[in-house]
N, C-alpha and C. Protein backbone atom coordinates (compact mmCIF):
# COMPACT_ATOMS: atom_id res chain seq x y z
N MET A 1 123.51 -153.96 -45.16
CA MET A 1 121.97 -154.20 -45.06
C MET A 1 121.48 -153.34 -43.68
N SER A 2 122.47 -153.31 -42.89
CA SER A 2 122.10 -152.38 -41.49
C SER A 2 121.89 -150.94 -41.98
N GLN A 3 122.63 -150.68 -43.02
CA GLN A 3 122.48 -149.14 -43.50
C GLN A 3 121.34 -148.88 -44.01
N THR A 4 120.50 -149.89 -44.69
CA THR A 4 119.18 -149.53 -45.27
C THR A 4 118.27 -149.44 -44.04
N VAL A 5 118.30 -150.32 -43.14
CA VAL A 5 117.42 -150.33 -41.93
C VAL A 5 117.79 -148.81 -41.24
N VAL A 6 118.84 -148.46 -41.12
CA VAL A 6 119.12 -147.17 -40.54
C VAL A 6 118.34 -146.06 -41.39
N ASP A 7 118.59 -146.23 -42.73
CA ASP A 7 118.02 -145.09 -43.51
C ASP A 7 116.47 -145.06 -43.60
N ARG A 8 115.83 -146.15 -43.53
CA ARG A 8 114.41 -146.48 -43.43
C ARG A 8 113.93 -145.61 -42.01
N THR A 9 114.64 -146.01 -41.32
CA THR A 9 114.21 -145.59 -39.57
C THR A 9 114.40 -143.98 -39.65
N THR A 10 115.40 -143.49 -40.31
CA THR A 10 115.57 -142.19 -40.38
C THR A 10 114.58 -141.57 -41.19
N GLU A 11 114.09 -142.05 -42.41
CA GLU A 11 112.94 -141.46 -43.25
C GLU A 11 111.73 -141.57 -42.46
N SER A 12 111.68 -142.66 -41.73
CA SER A 12 110.27 -142.78 -40.97
C SER A 12 110.11 -141.58 -40.04
N ILE A 13 111.33 -141.33 -39.14
CA ILE A 13 111.28 -140.48 -38.34
C ILE A 13 111.07 -139.10 -38.73
N ALA A 14 111.76 -138.80 -39.89
CA ALA A 14 111.64 -137.55 -40.50
C ALA A 14 110.08 -137.18 -41.04
N GLU A 15 109.57 -138.28 -41.63
CA GLU A 15 108.13 -138.14 -41.92
C GLU A 15 107.20 -137.92 -40.98
N ALA A 16 107.40 -138.77 -39.79
CA ALA A 16 106.60 -138.39 -38.71
C ALA A 16 106.70 -137.23 -37.85
N THR A 17 107.99 -136.46 -38.18
CA THR A 17 108.11 -135.25 -37.76
C THR A 17 107.60 -134.14 -38.45
N ARG A 18 107.44 -134.33 -39.81
CA ARG A 18 106.73 -133.65 -40.80
C ARG A 18 105.35 -133.55 -40.36
N GLN A 19 104.90 -134.67 -40.19
CA GLN A 19 103.39 -134.75 -40.13
C GLN A 19 102.93 -134.18 -38.58
N ALA A 20 103.78 -134.38 -37.75
CA ALA A 20 103.54 -133.68 -36.31
C ALA A 20 103.55 -132.13 -36.61
N SER A 21 104.56 -131.80 -37.24
CA SER A 21 104.62 -130.14 -37.51
C SER A 21 103.42 -129.77 -38.28
N ARG A 22 102.83 -130.47 -39.17
CA ARG A 22 101.73 -129.98 -40.13
C ARG A 22 100.36 -130.16 -39.02
N VAL A 23 100.21 -130.96 -38.23
CA VAL A 23 99.33 -131.08 -37.25
C VAL A 23 99.35 -129.97 -36.38
N THR A 24 100.59 -129.73 -35.66
CA THR A 24 100.49 -128.53 -34.69
C THR A 24 100.41 -127.42 -35.31
N GLY A 25 100.79 -127.20 -36.30
CA GLY A 25 100.44 -125.96 -37.11
C GLY A 25 98.89 -125.77 -37.52
N ALA A 26 98.15 -126.85 -37.71
CA ALA A 26 96.83 -126.69 -37.87
C ALA A 26 96.12 -126.54 -36.61
N ILE A 27 96.60 -127.14 -35.43
CA ILE A 27 95.89 -126.64 -34.27
C ILE A 27 96.18 -125.20 -33.74
N VAL A 28 97.45 -124.78 -33.94
CA VAL A 28 97.55 -123.52 -33.76
C VAL A 28 96.79 -122.55 -34.71
N ASP A 29 96.56 -122.67 -35.80
CA ASP A 29 95.67 -122.03 -36.72
C ASP A 29 94.33 -122.10 -35.98
N ALA A 30 93.59 -123.22 -35.74
CA ALA A 30 92.46 -123.37 -35.26
C ALA A 30 92.19 -122.76 -34.02
N ILE A 31 93.27 -122.47 -32.95
CA ILE A 31 93.12 -121.87 -31.73
C ILE A 31 93.13 -120.37 -32.12
N ASP A 32 93.96 -120.09 -32.94
CA ASP A 32 94.03 -118.52 -33.34
C ASP A 32 92.66 -118.22 -34.00
N GLU A 33 92.16 -119.08 -34.87
CA GLU A 33 90.82 -118.70 -35.35
C GLU A 33 89.57 -118.65 -34.38
N GLY A 34 89.63 -119.75 -33.21
CA GLY A 34 88.82 -119.54 -32.10
C GLY A 34 88.85 -118.41 -31.14
N VAL A 35 90.10 -117.90 -31.02
CA VAL A 35 90.31 -116.62 -30.21
C VAL A 35 89.74 -115.46 -30.95
N GLY A 36 90.02 -115.37 -32.23
CA GLY A 36 89.46 -114.32 -32.99
C GLY A 36 87.73 -114.45 -33.20
N VAL A 37 87.11 -115.52 -32.92
CA VAL A 37 85.72 -115.67 -32.80
C VAL A 37 85.12 -115.22 -31.50
N VAL A 38 85.78 -115.56 -30.53
CA VAL A 38 85.64 -115.29 -29.08
C VAL A 38 85.69 -113.79 -28.96
N ARG A 39 86.67 -113.05 -29.51
CA ARG A 39 86.97 -111.63 -29.42
C ARG A 39 85.86 -110.94 -30.00
N HIS A 40 85.34 -111.43 -31.12
CA HIS A 40 84.46 -110.79 -32.10
C HIS A 40 83.00 -110.83 -31.16
N ALA A 41 82.85 -112.13 -30.66
CA ALA A 41 81.49 -112.21 -30.08
C ALA A 41 81.44 -111.43 -28.76
N ALA A 42 82.70 -111.37 -27.97
CA ALA A 42 82.62 -110.32 -26.77
C ALA A 42 82.33 -108.85 -27.29
N LYS A 43 82.88 -108.37 -28.34
CA LYS A 43 82.71 -107.06 -28.66
C LYS A 43 81.29 -106.91 -29.07
N GLN A 44 80.78 -107.90 -29.87
CA GLN A 44 79.35 -107.82 -30.24
C GLN A 44 78.46 -107.67 -28.90
N GLY A 45 78.81 -108.74 -28.06
CA GLY A 45 77.86 -108.61 -26.73
C GLY A 45 78.04 -107.35 -25.86
N CYS A 46 79.12 -106.77 -25.94
CA CYS A 46 79.43 -105.55 -25.34
C CYS A 46 78.69 -104.49 -25.87
N ASP A 47 78.76 -104.24 -27.31
CA ASP A 47 78.03 -103.32 -28.14
C ASP A 47 76.54 -103.52 -27.90
N ALA A 48 76.01 -104.65 -27.77
CA ALA A 48 74.54 -104.94 -27.37
C ALA A 48 74.29 -104.44 -26.08
N ALA A 49 74.97 -104.81 -25.19
CA ALA A 49 74.78 -104.40 -23.91
C ALA A 49 74.79 -102.89 -23.71
N GLU A 50 75.60 -102.27 -24.21
CA GLU A 50 75.65 -100.80 -24.08
C GLU A 50 74.53 -100.19 -24.93
N GLN A 51 74.13 -100.65 -25.99
CA GLN A 51 72.74 -100.20 -26.78
C GLN A 51 71.70 -100.37 -25.80
N PHE A 52 71.48 -101.39 -25.34
CA PHE A 52 70.33 -101.75 -24.40
C PHE A 52 70.36 -100.68 -23.27
N LEU A 53 71.39 -100.43 -22.68
CA LEU A 53 71.49 -99.51 -21.56
C LEU A 53 71.12 -98.19 -22.09
N ASP A 54 71.41 -97.78 -23.33
CA ASP A 54 71.23 -96.38 -23.62
C ASP A 54 69.62 -96.22 -24.05
N GLU A 55 69.11 -97.46 -24.73
CA GLU A 55 67.77 -97.49 -25.06
C GLU A 55 66.93 -97.45 -23.63
N THR A 56 67.38 -98.27 -22.69
CA THR A 56 66.57 -98.09 -21.52
C THR A 56 66.49 -96.77 -20.85
N THR A 57 67.79 -96.10 -20.88
CA THR A 57 67.85 -94.71 -20.33
C THR A 57 66.93 -93.84 -21.05
N HIS A 58 66.95 -93.72 -22.33
CA HIS A 58 66.04 -92.87 -22.91
C HIS A 58 64.56 -93.28 -22.77
N ARG A 59 64.27 -94.43 -22.67
CA ARG A 59 62.81 -94.95 -22.29
C ARG A 59 62.48 -94.47 -20.95
N LEU A 60 63.22 -94.54 -20.12
CA LEU A 60 63.01 -94.29 -18.65
C LEU A 60 62.70 -92.63 -18.57
N GLN A 61 63.54 -91.83 -19.48
CA GLN A 61 63.53 -90.47 -19.39
C GLN A 61 62.35 -90.08 -20.08
N ARG A 62 61.77 -90.64 -21.03
CA ARG A 62 60.67 -90.26 -22.00
C ARG A 62 59.37 -90.56 -21.10
N HIS A 63 59.34 -91.49 -20.13
CA HIS A 63 58.15 -91.99 -19.23
C HIS A 63 58.52 -91.82 -17.82
N VAL A 64 58.47 -90.51 -17.39
CA VAL A 64 59.12 -90.48 -16.09
C VAL A 64 58.02 -90.58 -14.98
N GLY A 65 56.77 -90.44 -15.30
CA GLY A 65 55.70 -90.77 -14.41
C GLY A 65 55.56 -92.24 -14.28
N LEU A 66 55.57 -92.90 -15.07
CA LEU A 66 55.64 -94.49 -15.29
C LEU A 66 56.39 -95.03 -14.48
N THR A 67 57.81 -94.55 -14.80
CA THR A 67 58.75 -95.01 -14.00
C THR A 67 58.83 -94.83 -12.58
N ILE A 68 58.41 -93.73 -12.00
CA ILE A 68 58.26 -93.37 -10.62
C ILE A 68 57.04 -94.13 -10.08
N ALA A 69 55.87 -94.40 -10.77
CA ALA A 69 54.88 -95.39 -10.35
C ALA A 69 55.28 -96.70 -10.24
N VAL A 70 55.94 -97.25 -11.17
CA VAL A 70 56.51 -98.80 -10.80
C VAL A 70 57.43 -98.88 -10.05
N THR A 71 58.23 -97.82 -9.94
CA THR A 71 59.36 -97.93 -8.69
C THR A 71 58.80 -97.77 -7.43
N PHE A 72 57.78 -96.94 -7.16
CA PHE A 72 56.94 -97.03 -5.98
C PHE A 72 56.33 -98.35 -5.44
N ALA A 73 55.67 -98.95 -6.67
CA ALA A 73 54.94 -100.09 -6.37
C ALA A 73 55.76 -101.40 -6.12
N ALA A 74 56.84 -101.35 -6.89
CA ALA A 74 57.84 -102.43 -6.49
C ALA A 74 58.53 -102.39 -5.09
N GLY A 75 58.71 -100.95 -4.51
CA GLY A 75 59.23 -101.07 -3.39
C GLY A 75 58.08 -101.13 -2.35
N ALA A 76 56.75 -100.68 -2.50
CA ALA A 76 55.94 -101.15 -1.58
C ALA A 76 55.93 -102.75 -1.58
N ALA A 77 55.75 -103.35 -2.62
CA ALA A 77 55.60 -104.80 -2.70
C ALA A 77 56.85 -105.50 -1.95
N VAL A 78 57.88 -105.02 -2.24
CA VAL A 78 59.12 -105.49 -1.46
C VAL A 78 59.05 -105.28 0.05
N GLY A 79 58.59 -104.16 0.64
CA GLY A 79 58.32 -103.85 1.99
C GLY A 79 57.26 -104.62 2.55
N ALA A 80 56.10 -104.73 1.85
CA ALA A 80 55.06 -105.69 2.25
C ALA A 80 55.51 -107.16 2.43
N VAL A 81 56.23 -107.71 1.62
CA VAL A 81 56.68 -108.98 1.73
C VAL A 81 57.63 -109.15 2.89
N ALA A 82 58.60 -108.24 3.03
CA ALA A 82 59.43 -108.05 4.01
C ALA A 82 58.91 -108.03 5.36
N GLY A 83 57.94 -107.20 5.61
CA GLY A 83 57.02 -107.03 6.95
C GLY A 83 56.32 -108.33 7.24
N TRP A 84 55.97 -108.98 6.00
CA TRP A 84 54.91 -110.27 6.37
C TRP A 84 56.12 -111.17 6.73
N MET A 85 57.13 -111.45 6.04
CA MET A 85 58.14 -112.49 6.69
C MET A 85 58.55 -112.15 8.08
N MET A 86 59.07 -110.84 8.40
CA MET A 86 59.34 -110.73 9.77
C MET A 86 57.85 -110.97 10.89
N LYS A 87 56.92 -110.81 10.50
CA LYS A 87 55.95 -110.77 11.32
C LYS A 87 55.75 -112.46 11.75
N ARG A 88 55.86 -113.29 10.57
CA ARG A 88 55.75 -114.69 10.57
C ARG A 88 56.71 -115.21 11.50
N LYS A 89 57.88 -114.77 11.72
CA LYS A 89 58.90 -115.23 12.74
C LYS A 89 58.51 -114.71 14.11
């Protein structure tokens, strides 16, 4: 009789080990898939940023006068605000 208890216990432990192995394999597969998705998203983000930078550079080169005018206006505005803030103190 004690032999059947030992056999049942051994079978239960073996089944639990098989289930744990399957679950662990599924977790590893899910992590691998997640890493692949993150790498793909990072590559797409990098490509989009590079494309945006290239388009911006070309747009600035096409509209040189407007670029200079906007840069001057922004600098003047920042300078005026900085001067006003220093005058207040």
